[in-house]
Amino acid sequence: MSKNEVQFRIDQYAEIERLLEQVRQSESSAPLEAERTYRPHEAPAHRIDI
């Protein structure tokens, strides 16, 4: 593997880490968003197996 290939992979991993961090930050605020937008009358009906 050439030096350029190694650097490319390092850059890829850095990008993945950055994106994962964005997801973690958005997930931490997601529950509040869900509580605000949740409407019980719009929830799907429970499936009943007979």
PDB file of N, CA and C in Angstrom:
ATOM      1  N   MET A   1       0.859  -1.189   0.000  1.00  0.00           N
ATOM      2  CA  MET A   1       0.000   0.000   0.000  1.00  0.00           C
ATOM      3  C   MET A   1       0.894   1.238   0.000  1.00  0.00           C
ATOM      4  N   SER A   2       0.621   2.137  -0.911  1.00  0.00           N
ATOM      5  CA  SER A   2       1.448   3.339  -1.018  1.00  0.00           C
ATOM      6  C   SER A   2       1.105   4.328   0.091  1.00  0.00           C
ATOM      7  N   LYS A   3       1.981   5.298   0.238  1.00  0.00           N
ATOM      8  CA  LYS A   3       1.770   6.329   1.260  1.00  0.00           C
ATOM      9  C   LYS A   3       0.460   7.084   0.996  1.00  0.00           C
ATOM     10  N   ASN A   4       0.163   7.346  -0.283  1.00  0.00           N
ATOM     11  CA  ASN A   4      -1.078   8.041  -0.639  1.00  0.00           C
ATOM     12  C   ASN A   4      -2.317   7.225  -0.254  1.00  0.00           C
ATOM     13  N   GLU A   5      -2.250   5.900  -0.483  1.00  0.00           N
ATOM     14  CA  GLU A   5      -3.369   5.027  -0.125  1.00  0.00           C
ATOM     15  C   GLU A   5      -3.597   5.024   1.384  1.00  0.00           C
ATOM     16  N   VAL A   6      -2.519   4.991   2.130  1.00  0.00           N
ATOM     17  CA  VAL A   6      -2.618   5.022   3.594  1.00  0.00           C
ATOM     18  C   VAL A   6      -3.255   6.334   4.037  1.00  0.00           C
ATOM     19  N   GLN A   7      -2.812   7.433   3.480  1.00  0.00           N
ATOM     20  CA  GLN A   7      -3.373   8.736   3.847  1.00  0.00           C
ATOM     21  C   GLN A   7      -4.848   8.816   3.478  1.00  0.00           C
ATOM     22  N   PHE A   8      -5.206   8.248   2.320  1.00  0.00           N
ATOM     23  CA  PHE A   8      -6.597   8.247   1.885  1.00  0.00           C
ATOM     24  C   PHE A   8      -7.468   7.502   2.896  1.00  0.00           C
ATOM     25  N   ARG A   9      -6.980   6.351   3.359  1.00  0.00           N
ATOM     26  CA  ARG A   9      -7.747   5.573   4.350  1.00  0.00           C
ATOM     27  C   ARG A   9      -7.864   6.318   5.664  1.00  0.00           C
ATOM     28  N   ILE A  10      -6.799   6.957   6.081  1.00  0.00           N
ATOM     29  CA  ILE A  10      -6.840   7.745   7.318  1.00  0.00           C
ATOM     30  C   ILE A  10      -7.883   8.852   7.184  1.00  0.00           C
ATOM     31  N   ASP A  11      -7.892   9.515   6.037  1.00  0.00           N
ATOM     32  CA  ASP A  11      -8.872  10.579   5.793  1.00  0.00           C
ATOM     33  C   ASP A  11     -10.298  10.018   5.810  1.00  0.00           C
ATOM     34  N   GLN A  12     -10.479   8.833   5.232  1.00  0.00           N
ATOM     35  CA  GLN A  12     -11.806   8.206   5.227  1.00  0.00           C
ATOM     36  C   GLN A  12     -12.279   7.931   6.653  1.00  0.00           C
ATOM     37  N   TYR A  13     -11.382   7.370   7.472  1.00  0.00           N
ATOM     38  CA  TYR A  13     -11.761   7.077   8.858  1.00  0.00           C
ATOM     39  C   TYR A  13     -12.082   8.354   9.622  1.00  0.00           C
ATOM     40  N   ALA A  14     -11.326   9.406   9.366  1.00  0.00           N
ATOM     41  CA  ALA A  14     -11.588  10.683  10.031  1.00  0.00           C
ATOM     42  C   ALA A  14     -12.973  11.203   9.645  1.00  0.00           C
ATOM     43  N   GLU A  15     -13.337  11.056   8.374  1.00  0.00           N
ATOM     44  CA  GLU A  15     -14.653  11.494   7.900  1.00  0.00           C
ATOM     45  C   GLU A  15     -15.757  10.673   8.561  1.00  0.00           C
ATOM     46  N   ILE A  16     -15.557   9.365   8.663  1.00  0.00           N
ATOM     47  CA  ILE A  16     -16.552   8.492   9.298  1.00  0.00           C
ATOM     48  C   ILE A  16     -16.734   8.888  10.765  1.00  0.00           C
ATOM     49  N   GLU A  17     -15.631   9.130  11.464  1.00  0.00           N
ATOM     50  CA  GLU A  17     -15.708   9.548  12.865  1.00  0.00           C
ATOM     51  C   GLU A  17     -16.481  10.857  13.003  1.00  0.00           C
ATOM     52  N   ARG A  18     -16.236  11.773  12.087  1.00  0.00           N
ATOM     53  CA  ARG A  18     -16.923  13.068  12.133  1.00  0.00           C
ATOM     54  C   ARG A  18     -18.427  12.886  11.933  1.00  0.00           C
ATOM     55  N   LEU A  19     -18.793  12.042  10.971  1.00  0.00           N
ATOM     56  CA  LEU A  19     -20.209  11.785  10.712  1.00  0.00           C
ATOM     57  C   LEU A  19     -20.878  11.080  11.892  1.00  0.00           C
ATOM     58  N   LEU A  20     -20.168  10.114  12.488  1.00  0.00           N
ATOM     59  CA  LEU A  20     -20.712   9.420  13.654  1.00  0.00           C
ATOM     60  C   LEU A  20     -20.968  10.397  14.794  1.00  0.00           C
ATOM     61  N   GLU A  21     -20.075  11.339  14.974  1.00  0.00           N
ATOM     62  CA  GLU A  21     -20.235  12.327  16.037  1.00  0.00           C
ATOM     63  C   GLU A  21     -21.478  13.186  15.774  1.00  0.00           C
ATOM     64  N   GLN A  22     -21.707  13.544  14.511  1.00  0.00           N
ATOM     65  CA  GLN A  22     -22.911  14.304  14.152  1.00  0.00           C
ATOM     66  C   GLN A  22     -24.165  13.507  14.489  1.00  0.00           C
ATOM     67  N   VAL A  23     -24.147  12.211  14.188  1.00  0.00           N
ATOM     68  CA  VAL A  23     -25.290  11.355  14.471  1.00  0.00           C
ATOM     69  C   VAL A  23     -25.533  11.283  15.973  1.00  0.00           C
ATOM     70  N   ARG A  24     -24.466  11.106  16.745  1.00  0.00           N
ATOM     71  CA  ARG A  24     -24.615  11.037  18.203  1.00  0.00           C
ATOM     72  C   ARG A  24     -25.231  12.320  18.747  1.00  0.00           C
ATOM     73  N   GLN A  25     -24.790  13.447  18.228  1.00  0.00           N
ATOM     74  CA  GLN A  25     -25.324  14.722  18.700  1.00  0.00           C
ATOM     75  C   GLN A  25     -26.789  14.871  18.313  1.00  0.00           C
ATOM     76  N   SER A  26     -27.153  14.449  17.109  1.00  0.00           N
ATOM     77  CA  SER A  26     -28.551  14.572  16.687  1.00  0.00           C
ATOM     78  C   SER A  26     -29.432  13.582  17.445  1.00  0.00           C
ATOM     79  N   GLU A  27     -28.889  12.405  17.782  1.00  0.00           N
ATOM     80  CA  GLU A  27     -29.661  11.420  18.541  1.00  0.00           C
ATOM     81  C   GLU A  27     -29.954  11.925  19.948  1.00  0.00           C
ATOM     82  N   SER A  28     -29.024  12.672  20.523  1.00  0.00           N
ATOM     83  CA  SER A  28     -29.227  13.143  21.892  1.00  0.00           C
ATOM     84  C   SER A  28     -30.397  14.123  21.965  1.00  0.00           C
ATOM     85  N   SER A  29     -30.714  14.801  20.865  1.00  0.00           N
ATOM     86  CA  SER A  29     -31.852  15.725  20.861  1.00  0.00           C
ATOM     87  C   SER A  29     -33.101  15.082  20.265  1.00  0.00           C
ATOM     88  N   ALA A  30     -32.970  13.896  19.707  1.00  0.00           N
ATOM     89  CA  ALA A  30     -34.098  13.227  19.046  1.00  0.00           C
ATOM     90  C   ALA A  30     -35.261  12.895  19.981  1.00  0.00           C
ATOM     91  N   PRO A  31     -35.017  12.383  21.197  1.00  0.00           N
ATOM     92  CA  PRO A  31     -36.167  12.043  22.053  1.00  0.00           C
ATOM     93  C   PRO A  31     -37.084  13.241  22.326  1.00  0.00           C
ATOM     94  N   LEU A  32     -36.511  14.409  22.527  1.00  0.00           N
ATOM     95  CA  LEU A  32     -37.327  15.596  22.772  1.00  0.00           C
ATOM     96  C   LEU A  32     -38.170  15.906  21.542  1.00  0.00           C
ATOM     97  N   GLU A  33     -37.578  15.790  20.378  1.00  0.00           N
ATOM     98  CA  GLU A  33     -38.287  16.029  19.126  1.00  0.00           C
ATOM     99  C   GLU A  33     -39.446  15.039  18.986  1.00  0.00           C
ATOM    100  N   ALA A  34     -39.208  13.782  19.319  1.00  0.00           N
ATOM    101  CA  ALA A  34     -40.237  12.751  19.199  1.00  0.00           C
ATOM    102  C   ALA A  34     -41.402  13.034  20.147  1.00  0.00           C
ATOM    103  N   GLU A  35     -41.088  13.465  21.362  1.00  0.00           N
ATOM    104  CA  GLU A  35     -42.160  13.764  22.318  1.00  0.00           C
ATOM    105  C   GLU A  35     -43.027  14.920  21.842  1.00  0.00           C
ATOM    106  N   ARG A  36     -42.416  15.891  21.211  1.00  0.00           N
ATOM    107  CA  ARG A  36     -43.179  17.045  20.731  1.00  0.00           C
ATOM    108  C   ARG A  36     -44.105  16.674  19.572  1.00  0.00           C
ATOM    109  N   THR A  37     -43.650  15.744  18.719  1.00  0.00           N
ATOM    110  CA  THR A  37     -44.413  15.455  17.505  1.00  0.00           C
ATOM    111  C   THR A  37     -45.303  14.216  17.639  1.00  0.00           C
ATOM    112  N   TYR A  38     -45.203  13.496  18.759  1.00  0.00           N
ATOM    113  CA  TYR A  38     -45.984  12.267  18.920  1.00  0.00           C
ATOM    114  C   TYR A  38     -47.461  12.589  19.132  1.00  0.00           C
ATOM    115  N   ARG A  39     -48.301  11.963  18.319  1.00  0.00           N
ATOM    116  CA  ARG A  39     -49.747  12.146  18.448  1.00  0.00           C
ATOM    117  C   ARG A  39     -50.380  10.765  18.585  1.00  0.00           C
ATOM    118  N   PRO A  40     -50.853  10.425  19.769  1.00  0.00           N
ATOM    119  CA  PRO A  40     -51.382   9.066  19.996  1.00  0.00           C
ATOM    120  C   PRO A  40     -52.446   8.633  18.991  1.00  0.00           C
ATOM    121  N   HIS A  41     -53.321   9.550  18.562  1.00  0.00           N
ATOM    122  CA  HIS A  41     -54.383   9.154  17.628  1.00  0.00           C
ATOM    123  C   HIS A  41     -53.840   8.797  16.247  1.00  0.00           C
ATOM    124  N   GLU A  42     -52.560   9.151  15.964  1.00  0.00           N
ATOM    125  CA  GLU A  42     -51.967   8.785  14.681  1.00  0.00           C
ATOM    126  C   GLU A  42     -51.150   7.499  14.763  1.00  0.00           C
ATOM    127  N   ALA A  43     -51.026   6.951  15.970  1.00  0.00           N
ATOM    128  CA  ALA A  43     -50.242   5.729  16.139  1.00  0.00           C
ATOM    129  C   ALA A  43     -50.922   4.573  15.413  1.00  0.00           C
ATOM    130  N   PRO A  44     -50.134   3.655  14.847  1.00  0.00           N
ATOM    131  CA  PRO A  44     -50.743   2.507  14.159  1.00  0.00           C
ATOM    132  C   PRO A  44     -51.501   1.627  15.156  1.00  0.00           C
ATOM    133  N   ALA A  45     -52.585   1.024  14.700  1.00  0.00           N
ATOM    134  CA  ALA A  45     -53.364   0.134  15.562  1.00  0.00           C
ATOM    135  C   ALA A  45     -52.534  -1.100  15.893  1.00  0.00           C
ATOM    136  N   HIS A  46     -52.757  -1.668  17.070  1.00  0.00           N
ATOM    137  CA  HIS A  46     -52.047  -2.881  17.447  1.00  0.00           C
ATOM    138  C   HIS A  46     -52.575  -4.046  16.619  1.00  0.00           C
ATOM    139  N   ARG A  47     -51.648  -4.877  16.185  1.00  0.00           N
ATOM    140  CA  ARG A  47     -52.039  -6.036  15.399  1.00  0.00           C
ATOM    141  C   ARG A  47     -52.503  -7.133  16.353  1.00  0.00           C
ATOM    142  N   ILE A  48     -53.609  -7.746  16.035  1.00  0.00           N
ATOM    143  CA  ILE A  48     -54.130  -8.804  16.897  1.00  0.00           C
ATOM    144  C   ILE A  48     -54.052 -10.121  16.135  1.00  0.00           C
ATOM    145  N   ASP A  49     -53.274 -11.060  16.698  1.00  0.00           N
ATOM    146  CA  ASP A  49     -53.182 -12.390  16.095  1.00  0.00           C
ATOM    147  C   ASP A  49     -54.209 -13.300  16.748  1.00  0.00           C
ATOM    148  N   ILE A  50     -55.013 -13.966  15.947  1.00  0.00           N
ATOM    149  CA  ILE A  50     -56.035 -14.868  16.489  1.00  0.00           C
ATOM    150  C   ILE A  50     -55.594 -16.310  16.265  1.00  0.00           C
TER     151      ILE A  50
END
